[in-house]
Amino acid sequence: QLWSKHKTASVSVVTCILEIITVWGIV
């Protein structure tokens, strides 16, 4: 329900999570 109501906000949060995983994984 959250995904269907706030699609663009959800994409922003998922992108932030992927960024954290990638950058700090490489660190």
mmCIF file of all heavy atoms, coordinates in Angstrom:
data_MODEL
# 
_entry.id   MODEL 
# 
loop_
_atom_site.group_PDB 
_atom_site.id 
_atom_site.type_symbol 
_atom_site.label_atom_id 
_atom_site.label_alt_id 
_atom_site.label_comp_id 
_atom_site.label_asym_id 
_atom_site.label_entity_id 
_atom_site.label_seq_id 
_atom_site.pdbx_PDB_ins_code 
_atom_site.Cartn_x 
_atom_site.Cartn_y 
_atom_site.Cartn_z 
_atom_site.occupancy 
_atom_site.B_iso_or_equiv 
_atom_site.pdbx_formal_charge 
_atom_site.auth_seq_id 
_atom_site.auth_comp_id 
_atom_site.auth_asym_id 
_atom_site.auth_atom_id 
_atom_site.pdbx_PDB_model_num 
ATOM 1   N N   . GLN A 1 1  ? 0.826  -1.200 0.000  1.00 0.00 ? 1  GLN A N   1 
ATOM 2   C CA  . GLN A 1 1  ? 0.000  0.000  0.000  1.00 0.00 ? 1  GLN A CA  1 
ATOM 3   C C   . GLN A 1 1  ? 0.866  1.259  0.000  1.00 0.00 ? 1  GLN A C   1 
ATOM 4   O O   . GLN A 1 1  ? 0.571  2.226  -0.706 1.00 0.00 ? 1  GLN A O   1 
ATOM 5   C CB  . GLN A 1 1  ? -0.931 0.004  1.206  1.00 0.00 ? 1  GLN A CB  1 
ATOM 6   C CG  . GLN A 1 1  ? -2.043 -1.017 1.118  1.00 0.00 ? 1  GLN A CG  1 
ATOM 7   C CD  . GLN A 1 1  ? -2.853 -1.074 2.401  1.00 0.00 ? 1  GLN A CD  1 
ATOM 8   O OE1 . GLN A 1 1  ? -2.475 -0.504 3.417  1.00 0.00 ? 1  GLN A OE1 1 
ATOM 9   N NE2 . GLN A 1 1  ? -3.982 -1.768 2.345  1.00 0.00 ? 1  GLN A NE2 1 
ATOM 10  N N   . LEU A 1 2  ? 1.941  1.230  0.770  1.00 0.00 ? 2  LEU A N   1 
ATOM 11  C CA  . LEU A 1 2  ? 2.851  2.373  0.803  1.00 0.00 ? 2  LEU A CA  1 
ATOM 12  C C   . LEU A 1 2  ? 3.487  2.579  -0.566 1.00 0.00 ? 2  LEU A C   1 
ATOM 13  O O   . LEU A 1 2  ? 3.603  3.697  -1.056 1.00 0.00 ? 2  LEU A O   1 
ATOM 14  C CB  . LEU A 1 2  ? 3.928  2.166  1.871  1.00 0.00 ? 2  LEU A CB  1 
ATOM 15  C CG  . LEU A 1 2  ? 4.952  3.276  1.998  1.00 0.00 ? 2  LEU A CG  1 
ATOM 16  C CD1 . LEU A 1 2  ? 4.299  4.500  2.629  1.00 0.00 ? 2  LEU A CD1 1 
ATOM 17  C CD2 . LEU A 1 2  ? 6.128  2.815  2.820  1.00 0.00 ? 2  LEU A CD2 1 
ATOM 18  N N   . TRP A 1 3  ? 3.915  1.488  -1.205 1.00 0.00 ? 3  TRP A N   1 
ATOM 19  C CA  . TRP A 1 3  ? 4.545  1.563  -2.525 1.00 0.00 ? 3  TRP A CA  1 
ATOM 20  C C   . TRP A 1 3  ? 3.571  2.133  -3.555 1.00 0.00 ? 3  TRP A C   1 
ATOM 21  O O   . TRP A 1 3  ? 3.944  2.969  -4.378 1.00 0.00 ? 3  TRP A O   1 
ATOM 22  C CB  . TRP A 1 3  ? 5.030  0.191  -2.955 1.00 0.00 ? 3  TRP A CB  1 
ATOM 23  C CG  . TRP A 1 3  ? 5.595  0.176  -4.344 1.00 0.00 ? 3  TRP A CG  1 
ATOM 24  C CD1 . TRP A 1 3  ? 4.954  -0.170 -5.472 1.00 0.00 ? 3  TRP A CD1 1 
ATOM 25  C CD2 . TRP A 1 3  ? 6.918  0.532  -4.729 1.00 0.00 ? 3  TRP A CD2 1 
ATOM 26  N NE1 . TRP A 1 3  ? 5.788  -0.060 -6.549 1.00 0.00 ? 3  TRP A NE1 1 
ATOM 27  C CE2 . TRP A 1 3  ? 7.002  0.372  -6.125 1.00 0.00 ? 3  TRP A CE2 1 
ATOM 28  C CE3 . TRP A 1 3  ? 8.047  0.972  -4.038 1.00 0.00 ? 3  TRP A CE3 1 
ATOM 29  C CZ2 . TRP A 1 3  ? 8.163  0.633  -6.842 1.00 0.00 ? 3  TRP A CZ2 1 
ATOM 30  C CZ3 . TRP A 1 3  ? 9.202  1.230  -4.757 1.00 0.00 ? 3  TRP A CZ3 1 
ATOM 31  C CH2 . TRP A 1 3  ? 9.248  1.061  -6.126 1.00 0.00 ? 3  TRP A CH2 1 
ATOM 32  N N   . SER A 1 4  ? 2.324  1.682  -3.510 1.00 0.00 ? 4  SER A N   1 
ATOM 33  C CA  . SER A 1 4  ? 1.361  2.137  -4.506 1.00 0.00 ? 4  SER A CA  1 
ATOM 34  C C   . SER A 1 4  ? 0.972  3.602  -4.305 1.00 0.00 ? 4  SER A C   1 
ATOM 35  O O   . SER A 1 4  ? 0.685  4.299  -5.269 1.00 0.00 ? 4  SER A O   1 
ATOM 36  C CB  . SER A 1 4  ? 0.118  1.251  -4.491 1.00 0.00 ? 4  SER A CB  1 
ATOM 37  O OG  . SER A 1 4  ? -0.567 1.388  -3.276 1.00 0.00 ? 4  SER A OG  1 
ATOM 38  N N   . LYS A 1 5  ? 0.988  4.078  -3.085 1.00 0.00 ? 5  LYS A N   1 
ATOM 39  C CA  . LYS A 1 5  ? 0.620  5.472  -2.822 1.00 0.00 ? 5  LYS A CA  1 
ATOM 40  C C   . LYS A 1 5  ? 1.769  6.442  -3.092 1.00 0.00 ? 5  LYS A C   1 
ATOM 41  O O   . LYS A 1 5  ? 1.543  7.560  -3.521 1.00 0.00 ? 5  LYS A O   1 
ATOM 42  C CB  . LYS A 1 5  ? 0.166  5.639  -1.371 1.00 0.00 ? 5  LYS A CB  1 
ATOM 43  C CG  . LYS A 1 5  ? -1.174 5.028  -1.073 1.00 0.00 ? 5  LYS A CG  1 
ATOM 44  C CD  . LYS A 1 5  ? -1.522 5.275  0.373  1.00 0.00 ? 5  LYS A CD  1 
ATOM 45  C CE  . LYS A 1 5  ? -2.835 4.607  0.725  1.00 0.00 ? 5  LYS A CE  1 
ATOM 46  N NZ  . LYS A 1 5  ? -3.158 4.773  2.145  1.00 0.00 ? 5  LYS A NZ  1 
ATOM 47  N N   . HIS A 1 6  ? 2.985  6.017  -2.794 1.00 0.00 ? 6  HIS A N   1 
ATOM 48  C CA  . HIS A 1 6  ? 4.144  6.917  -2.867 1.00 0.00 ? 6  HIS A CA  1 
ATOM 49  C C   . HIS A 1 6  ? 5.237  6.293  -3.732 1.00 0.00 ? 6  HIS A C   1 
ATOM 50  O O   . HIS A 1 6  ? 6.323  5.988  -3.249 1.00 0.00 ? 6  HIS A O   1 
ATOM 51  C CB  . HIS A 1 6  ? 4.679  7.201  -1.471 1.00 0.00 ? 6  HIS A CB  1 
ATOM 52  C CG  . HIS A 1 6  ? 3.644  7.659  -0.501 1.00 0.00 ? 6  HIS A CG  1 
ATOM 53  N ND1 . HIS A 1 6  ? 3.074  8.909  -0.567 1.00 0.00 ? 6  HIS A ND1 1 
ATOM 54  C CD2 . HIS A 1 6  ? 3.061  7.038  0.545  1.00 0.00 ? 6  HIS A CD2 1 
ATOM 55  C CE1 . HIS A 1 6  ? 2.202  9.037  0.410  1.00 0.00 ? 6  HIS A CE1 1 
ATOM 56  N NE2 . HIS A 1 6  ? 2.166  7.918  1.102  1.00 0.00 ? 6  HIS A NE2 1 
ATOM 57  N N   . LYS A 1 7  ? 4.975  6.132  -5.009 1.00 0.00 ? 7  LYS A N   1 
ATOM 58  C CA  . LYS A 1 7  ? 5.934  5.456  -5.890 1.00 0.00 ? 7  LYS A CA  1 
ATOM 59  C C   . LYS A 1 7  ? 7.231  6.231  -6.040 1.00 0.00 ? 7  LYS A C   1 
ATOM 60  O O   . LYS A 1 7  ? 8.312  5.656  -5.943 1.00 0.00 ? 7  LYS A O   1 
ATOM 61  C CB  . LYS A 1 7  ? 5.305  5.204  -7.245 1.00 0.00 ? 7  LYS A CB  1 
ATOM 62  C CG  . LYS A 1 7  ? 4.250  4.145  -7.219 1.00 0.00 ? 7  LYS A CG  1 
ATOM 63  C CD  . LYS A 1 7  ? 3.657  3.927  -8.595 1.00 0.00 ? 7  LYS A CD  1 
ATOM 64  C CE  . LYS A 1 7  ? 2.575  2.879  -8.471 1.00 0.00 ? 7  LYS A CE  1 
ATOM 65  N NZ  . LYS A 1 7  ? 1.378  3.198  -9.188 1.00 0.00 ? 7  LYS A NZ  1 
ATOM 66  N N   . THR A 1 8  ? 7.168  7.529  -6.293 1.00 0.00 ? 8  THR A N   1 
ATOM 67  C CA  . THR A 1 8  ? 8.399  8.289  -6.499 1.00 0.00 ? 8  THR A CA  1 
ATOM 68  C C   . THR A 1 8  ? 9.201  8.404  -5.207 1.00 0.00 ? 8  THR A C   1 
ATOM 69  O O   . THR A 1 8  ? 10.435 8.341  -5.235 1.00 0.00 ? 8  THR A O   1 
ATOM 70  C CB  . THR A 1 8  ? 8.081  9.686  -7.051 1.00 0.00 ? 8  THR A CB  1 
ATOM 71  O OG1 . THR A 1 8  ? 7.128  10.324 -6.210 1.00 0.00 ? 8  THR A OG1 1 
ATOM 72  C CG2 . THR A 1 8  ? 7.525  9.608  -8.449 1.00 0.00 ? 8  THR A CG2 1 
ATOM 73  N N   . ALA A 1 9  ? 8.533  8.544  -4.093 1.00 0.00 ? 9  ALA A N   1 
ATOM 74  C CA  . ALA A 1 9  ? 9.244  8.587  -2.814 1.00 0.00 ? 9  ALA A CA  1 
ATOM 75  C C   . ALA A 1 9  ? 9.899  7.244  -2.517 1.00 0.00 ? 9  ALA A C   1 
ATOM 76  O O   . ALA A 1 9  ? 11.022 7.191  -2.012 1.00 0.00 ? 9  ALA A O   1 
ATOM 77  C CB  . ALA A 1 9  ? 8.283  8.971  -1.693 1.00 0.00 ? 9  ALA A CB  1 
ATOM 78  N N   . SER A 1 10 ? 9.229  6.165  -2.867 1.00 0.00 ? 10 SER A N   1 
ATOM 79  C CA  . SER A 1 10 ? 9.794  4.835  -2.647 1.00 0.00 ? 10 SER A CA  1 
ATOM 80  C C   . SER A 1 10 ? 11.029 4.608  -3.507 1.00 0.00 ? 10 SER A C   1 
ATOM 81  O O   . SER A 1 10 ? 12.010 4.023  -3.052 1.00 0.00 ? 10 SER A O   1 
ATOM 82  C CB  . SER A 1 10 ? 8.751  3.762  -2.946 1.00 0.00 ? 10 SER A CB  1 
ATOM 83  O OG  . SER A 1 10 ? 7.640  3.905  -2.103 1.00 0.00 ? 10 SER A OG  1 
ATOM 84  N N   . VAL A 1 11 ? 11.000 5.098  -4.738 1.00 0.00 ? 11 VAL A N   1 
ATOM 85  C CA  . VAL A 1 11 ? 12.172 4.971  -5.613 1.00 0.00 ? 11 VAL A CA  1 
ATOM 86  C C   . VAL A 1 11 ? 13.341 5.765  -5.035 1.00 0.00 ? 11 VAL A C   1 
ATOM 87  O O   . VAL A 1 11 ? 14.487 5.312  -5.063 1.00 0.00 ? 11 VAL A O   1 
ATOM 88  C CB  . VAL A 1 11 ? 11.833 5.428  -7.050 1.00 0.00 ? 11 VAL A CB  1 
ATOM 89  C CG1 . VAL A 1 11 ? 13.077 5.529  -7.901 1.00 0.00 ? 11 VAL A CG1 1 
ATOM 90  C CG2 . VAL A 1 11 ? 10.830 4.490  -7.685 1.00 0.00 ? 11 VAL A CG2 1 
ATOM 91  N N   . SER A 1 12 ? 13.064 6.922  -4.475 1.00 0.00 ? 12 SER A N   1 
ATOM 92  C CA  . SER A 1 12 ? 14.109 7.725  -3.845 1.00 0.00 ? 12 SER A CA  1 
ATOM 93  C C   . SER A 1 12 ? 14.735 6.994  -2.662 1.00 0.00 ? 12 SER A C   1 
ATOM 94  O O   . SER A 1 12 ? 15.964 6.963  -2.524 1.00 0.00 ? 12 SER A O   1 
ATOM 95  C CB  . SER A 1 12 ? 13.531 9.063  -3.387 1.00 0.00 ? 12 SER A CB  1 
ATOM 96  O OG  . SER A 1 12 ? 14.494 9.819  -2.708 1.00 0.00 ? 12 SER A OG  1 
ATOM 97  N N   . VAL A 1 13 ? 13.912 6.389  -1.832 1.00 0.00 ? 13 VAL A N   1 
ATOM 98  C CA  . VAL A 1 13 ? 14.432 5.657  -0.663 1.00 0.00 ? 13 VAL A CA  1 
ATOM 99  C C   . VAL A 1 13 ? 15.243 4.428  -1.098 1.00 0.00 ? 13 VAL A C   1 
ATOM 100 O O   . VAL A 1 13 ? 16.319 4.161  -0.552 1.00 0.00 ? 13 VAL A O   1 
ATOM 101 C CB  . VAL A 1 13 ? 13.269 5.263  0.279  1.00 0.00 ? 13 VAL A CB  1 
ATOM 102 C CG1 . VAL A 1 13 ? 13.740 4.327  1.364  1.00 0.00 ? 13 VAL A CG1 1 
ATOM 103 C CG2 . VAL A 1 13 ? 12.632 6.496  0.879  1.00 0.00 ? 13 VAL A CG2 1 
ATOM 104 N N   . VAL A 1 14 ? 14.758 3.700  -2.082 1.00 0.00 ? 14 VAL A N   1 
ATOM 105 C CA  . VAL A 1 14 ? 15.485 2.526  -2.573 1.00 0.00 ? 14 VAL A CA  1 
ATOM 106 C C   . VAL A 1 14 ? 16.830 2.934  -3.172 1.00 0.00 ? 14 VAL A C   1 
ATOM 107 O O   . VAL A 1 14 ? 17.850 2.268  -2.958 1.00 0.00 ? 14 VAL A O   1 
ATOM 108 C CB  . VAL A 1 14 ? 14.620 1.746  -3.598 1.00 0.00 ? 14 VAL A CB  1 
ATOM 109 C CG1 . VAL A 1 14 ? 15.437 0.710  -4.330 1.00 0.00 ? 14 VAL A CG1 1 
ATOM 110 C CG2 . VAL A 1 14 ? 13.448 1.100  -2.899 1.00 0.00 ? 14 VAL A CG2 1 
ATOM 111 N N   . THR A 1 15 ? 16.854 4.049  -3.891 1.00 0.00 ? 15 THR A N   1 
ATOM 112 C CA  . THR A 1 15 ? 18.111 4.538  -4.458 1.00 0.00 ? 15 THR A CA  1 
ATOM 113 C C   . THR A 1 15 ? 19.088 4.919  -3.354 1.00 0.00 ? 15 THR A C   1 
ATOM 114 O O   . THR A 1 15 ? 20.284 4.643  -3.460 1.00 0.00 ? 15 THR A O   1 
ATOM 115 C CB  . THR A 1 15 ? 17.853 5.740  -5.379 1.00 0.00 ? 15 THR A CB  1 
ATOM 116 O OG1 . THR A 1 15 ? 16.869 5.392  -6.344 1.00 0.00 ? 15 THR A OG1 1 
ATOM 117 C CG2 . THR A 1 15 ? 19.104 6.168  -6.092 1.00 0.00 ? 15 THR A CG2 1 
ATOM 118 N N   . CYS A 1 16 ? 18.593 5.529  -2.292 1.00 0.00 ? 16 CYS A N   1 
ATOM 119 C CA  . CYS A 1 16 ? 19.454 5.871  -1.154 1.00 0.00 ? 16 CYS A CA  1 
ATOM 120 C C   . CYS A 1 16 ? 20.045 4.619  -0.510 1.00 0.00 ? 16 CYS A C   1 
ATOM 121 O O   . CYS A 1 16 ? 21.228 4.579  -0.181 1.00 0.00 ? 16 CYS A O   1 
ATOM 122 C CB  . CYS A 1 16 ? 18.666 6.657  -0.115 1.00 0.00 ? 16 CYS A CB  1 
ATOM 123 S SG  . CYS A 1 16 ? 18.265 8.332  -0.574 1.00 0.00 ? 16 CYS A SG  1 
ATOM 124 N N   . ILE A 1 17 ? 19.223 3.591  -0.356 1.00 0.00 ? 17 ILE A N   1 
ATOM 125 C CA  . ILE A 1 17 ? 19.698 2.346  0.255  1.00 0.00 ? 17 ILE A CA  1 
ATOM 126 C C   . ILE A 1 17 ? 20.762 1.692  -0.621 1.00 0.00 ? 17 ILE A C   1 
ATOM 127 O O   . ILE A 1 17 ? 21.800 1.236  -0.121 1.00 0.00 ? 17 ILE A O   1 
ATOM 128 C CB  . ILE A 1 17 ? 18.518 1.399  0.520  1.00 0.00 ? 17 ILE A CB  1 
ATOM 129 C CG1 . ILE A 1 17 ? 17.622 1.967  1.628  1.00 0.00 ? 17 ILE A CG1 1 
ATOM 130 C CG2 . ILE A 1 17 ? 19.001 0.000  0.888  1.00 0.00 ? 17 ILE A CG2 1 
ATOM 131 C CD1 . ILE A 1 17 ? 16.304 1.253  1.803  1.00 0.00 ? 17 ILE A CD1 1 
ATOM 132 N N   . LEU A 1 18 ? 20.529 1.661  -1.918 1.00 0.00 ? 18 LEU A N   1 
ATOM 133 C CA  . LEU A 1 18 ? 21.529 1.084  -2.830 1.00 0.00 ? 18 LEU A CA  1 
ATOM 134 C C   . LEU A 1 18 ? 22.822 1.886  -2.826 1.00 0.00 ? 18 LEU A C   1 
ATOM 135 O O   . LEU A 1 18 ? 23.917 1.319  -2.906 1.00 0.00 ? 18 LEU A O   1 
ATOM 136 C CB  . LEU A 1 18 ? 20.961 0.997  -4.247 1.00 0.00 ? 18 LEU A CB  1 
ATOM 137 C CG  . LEU A 1 18 ? 19.876 -0.036 -4.474 1.00 0.00 ? 18 LEU A CG  1 
ATOM 138 C CD1 . LEU A 1 18 ? 19.308 0.080  -5.884 1.00 0.00 ? 18 LEU A CD1 1 
ATOM 139 C CD2 . LEU A 1 18 ? 20.409 -1.435 -4.235 1.00 0.00 ? 18 LEU A CD2 1 
ATOM 140 N N   . GLU A 1 19 ? 22.717 3.193  -2.725 1.00 0.00 ? 19 GLU A N   1 
ATOM 141 C CA  . GLU A 1 19 ? 23.907 4.039  -2.661 1.00 0.00 ? 19 GLU A CA  1 
ATOM 142 C C   . GLU A 1 19 ? 24.727 3.743  -1.402 1.00 0.00 ? 19 GLU A C   1 
ATOM 143 O O   . GLU A 1 19 ? 25.947 3.612  -1.464 1.00 0.00 ? 19 GLU A O   1 
ATOM 144 C CB  . GLU A 1 19 ? 23.490 5.503  -2.696 1.00 0.00 ? 19 GLU A CB  1 
ATOM 145 C CG  . GLU A 1 19 ? 24.612 6.483  -2.649 1.00 0.00 ? 19 GLU A CG  1 
ATOM 146 C CD  . GLU A 1 19 ? 24.128 7.913  -2.595 1.00 0.00 ? 19 GLU A CD  1 
ATOM 147 O OE1 . GLU A 1 19 ? 22.910 8.166  -2.724 1.00 0.00 ? 19 GLU A OE1 1 
ATOM 148 O OE2 . GLU A 1 19 ? 24.982 8.796  -2.414 1.00 0.00 ? 19 GLU A OE2 1 
ATOM 149 N N   . ILE A 1 20 ? 24.054 3.623  -0.281 1.00 0.00 ? 20 ILE A N   1 
ATOM 150 C CA  . ILE A 1 20 ? 24.748 3.315  0.978  1.00 0.00 ? 20 ILE A CA  1 
ATOM 151 C C   . ILE A 1 20 ? 25.441 1.960  0.891  1.00 0.00 ? 20 ILE A C   1 
ATOM 152 O O   . ILE A 1 20 ? 26.602 1.817  1.277  1.00 0.00 ? 20 ILE A O   1 
ATOM 153 C CB  . ILE A 1 20 ? 23.763 3.349  2.157  1.00 0.00 ? 20 ILE A CB  1 
ATOM 154 C CG1 . ILE A 1 20 ? 23.317 4.766  2.442  1.00 0.00 ? 20 ILE A CG1 1 
ATOM 155 C CG2 . ILE A 1 20 ? 24.380 2.731  3.409  1.00 0.00 ? 20 ILE A CG2 1 
ATOM 156 C CD1 . ILE A 1 20 ? 22.196 4.868  3.445  1.00 0.00 ? 20 ILE A CD1 1 
ATOM 157 N N   . ILE A 1 21 ? 24.730 0.961  0.391  1.00 0.00 ? 21 ILE A N   1 
ATOM 158 C CA  . ILE A 1 21 ? 25.305 -0.386 0.294  1.00 0.00 ? 21 ILE A CA  1 
ATOM 159 C C   . ILE A 1 21 ? 26.516 -0.391 -0.625 1.00 0.00 ? 21 ILE A C   1 
ATOM 160 O O   . ILE A 1 21 ? 27.559 -0.971 -0.292 1.00 0.00 ? 21 ILE A O   1 
ATOM 161 C CB  . ILE A 1 21 ? 24.234 -1.387 -0.186 1.00 0.00 ? 21 ILE A CB  1 
ATOM 162 C CG1 . ILE A 1 21 ? 23.188 -1.604 0.903  1.00 0.00 ? 21 ILE A CG1 1 
ATOM 163 C CG2 . ILE A 1 21 ? 24.870 -2.717 -0.594 1.00 0.00 ? 21 ILE A CG2 1 
ATOM 164 C CD1 . ILE A 1 21 ? 21.974 -2.389 0.452  1.00 0.00 ? 21 ILE A CD1 1 
ATOM 165 N N   . THR A 1 22 ? 26.418 0.280  -1.762 1.00 0.00 ? 22 THR A N   1 
ATOM 166 C CA  . THR A 1 22 ? 27.520 0.281  -2.725 1.00 0.00 ? 22 THR A CA  1 
ATOM 167 C C   . THR A 1 22 ? 28.740 1.016  -2.187 1.00 0.00 ? 22 THR A C   1 
ATOM 168 O O   . THR A 1 22 ? 29.853 0.473  -2.185 1.00 0.00 ? 22 THR A O   1 
ATOM 169 C CB  . THR A 1 22 ? 27.070 0.931  -4.049 1.00 0.00 ? 22 THR A CB  1 
ATOM 170 O OG1 . THR A 1 22 ? 25.932 0.244  -4.543 1.00 0.00 ? 22 THR A OG1 1 
ATOM 171 C CG2 . THR A 1 22 ? 28.173 0.880  -5.080 1.00 0.00 ? 22 THR A CG2 1 
ATOM 172 N N   . VAL A 1 23 ? 28.546 2.243  -1.743 1.00 0.00 ? 23 VAL A N   1 
ATOM 173 C CA  . VAL A 1 23 ? 29.687 3.058  -1.315 1.00 0.00 ? 23 VAL A CA  1 
ATOM 174 C C   . VAL A 1 23 ? 30.356 2.472  -0.081 1.00 0.00 ? 23 VAL A C   1 
ATOM 175 O O   . VAL A 1 23 ? 31.575 2.281  -0.051 1.00 0.00 ? 23 VAL A O   1 
ATOM 176 C CB  . VAL A 1 23 ? 29.250 4.515  -1.077 1.00 0.00 ? 23 VAL A CB  1 
ATOM 177 C CG1 . VAL A 1 23 ? 30.351 5.318  -0.416 1.00 0.00 ? 23 VAL A CG1 1 
ATOM 178 C CG2 . VAL A 1 23 ? 28.840 5.169  -2.386 1.00 0.00 ? 23 VAL A CG2 1 
ATOM 179 N N   . TRP A 1 24 ? 29.573 2.151  0.931  1.00 0.00 ? 24 TRP A N   1 
ATOM 180 C CA  . TRP A 1 24 ? 30.186 1.642  2.156  1.00 0.00 ? 24 TRP A CA  1 
ATOM 181 C C   . TRP A 1 24 ? 30.668 0.201  2.000  1.00 0.00 ? 24 TRP A C   1 
ATOM 182 O O   . TRP A 1 24 ? 31.596 -0.225 2.699  1.00 0.00 ? 24 TRP A O   1 
ATOM 183 C CB  . TRP A 1 24 ? 29.245 1.800  3.346  1.00 0.00 ? 24 TRP A CB  1 
ATOM 184 C CG  . TRP A 1 24 ? 29.246 3.236  3.784  1.00 0.00 ? 24 TRP A CG  1 
ATOM 185 C CD1 . TRP A 1 24 ? 28.325 4.183  3.475  1.00 0.00 ? 24 TRP A CD1 1 
ATOM 186 C CD2 . TRP A 1 24 ? 30.253 3.898  4.538  1.00 0.00 ? 24 TRP A CD2 1 
ATOM 187 N NE1 . TRP A 1 24 ? 28.689 5.389  4.012  1.00 0.00 ? 24 TRP A NE1 1 
ATOM 188 C CE2 . TRP A 1 24 ? 29.865 5.248  4.670  1.00 0.00 ? 24 TRP A CE2 1 
ATOM 189 C CE3 . TRP A 1 24 ? 31.445 3.482  5.115  1.00 0.00 ? 24 TRP A CE3 1 
ATOM 190 C CZ2 . TRP A 1 24 ? 30.641 6.177  5.363  1.00 0.00 ? 24 TRP A CZ2 1 
ATOM 191 C CZ3 . TRP A 1 24 ? 32.203 4.417  5.813  1.00 0.00 ? 24 TRP A CZ3 1 
ATOM 192 C CH2 . TRP A 1 24 ? 31.801 5.730  5.927  1.00 0.00 ? 24 TRP A CH2 1 
ATOM 193 N N   . GLY A 1 25 ? 30.075 -0.560 1.093  1.00 0.00 ? 25 GLY A N   1 
ATOM 194 C CA  . GLY A 1 25 ? 30.613 -1.888 0.773  1.00 0.00 ? 25 GLY A CA  1 
ATOM 195 C C   . GLY A 1 25 ? 31.999 -1.791 0.172  1.00 0.00 ? 25 GLY A C   1 
ATOM 196 O O   . GLY A 1 25 ? 32.917 -2.549 0.536  1.00 0.00 ? 25 GLY A O   1 
ATOM 197 N N   . ILE A 1 26 ? 32.186 -0.844 -0.740 1.00 0.00 ? 26 ILE A N   1 
ATOM 198 C CA  . ILE A 1 26 ? 33.510 -0.651 -1.346 1.00 0.00 ? 26 ILE A CA  1 
ATOM 199 C C   . ILE A 1 26 ? 34.493 -0.115 -0.314 1.00 0.00 ? 26 ILE A C   1 
ATOM 200 O O   . ILE A 1 26 ? 35.668 -0.514 -0.302 1.00 0.00 ? 26 ILE A O   1 
ATOM 201 C CB  . ILE A 1 26 ? 33.397 0.269  -2.573 1.00 0.00 ? 26 ILE A CB  1 
ATOM 202 C CG1 . ILE A 1 26 ? 32.667 -0.474 -3.691 1.00 0.00 ? 26 ILE A CG1 1 
ATOM 203 C CG2 . ILE A 1 26 ? 34.760 0.742  -3.040 1.00 0.00 ? 26 ILE A CG2 1 
ATOM 204 C CD1 . ILE A 1 26 ? 32.360 0.347  -4.912 1.00 0.00 ? 26 ILE A CD1 1 
ATOM 205 N N   . VAL A 1 27 ? 34.040 0.754  0.566  1.00 0.00 ? 27 VAL A N   1 
ATOM 206 C CA  . VAL A 1 27 ? 34.917 1.252  1.634  1.00 0.00 ? 27 VAL A CA  1 
ATOM 207 C C   . VAL A 1 27 ? 35.388 0.096  2.516  1.00 0.00 ? 27 VAL A C   1 
ATOM 208 O O   . VAL A 1 27 ? 36.572 0.014  2.872  1.00 0.00 ? 27 VAL A O   1 
ATOM 209 C CB  . VAL A 1 27 ? 34.206 2.335  2.471  1.00 0.00 ? 27 VAL A CB  1 
ATOM 210 C CG1 . VAL A 1 27 ? 34.958 2.629  3.754  1.00 0.00 ? 27 VAL A CG1 1 
ATOM 211 C CG2 . VAL A 1 27 ? 34.023 3.598  1.651  1.00 0.00 ? 27 VAL A CG2 1 
# 
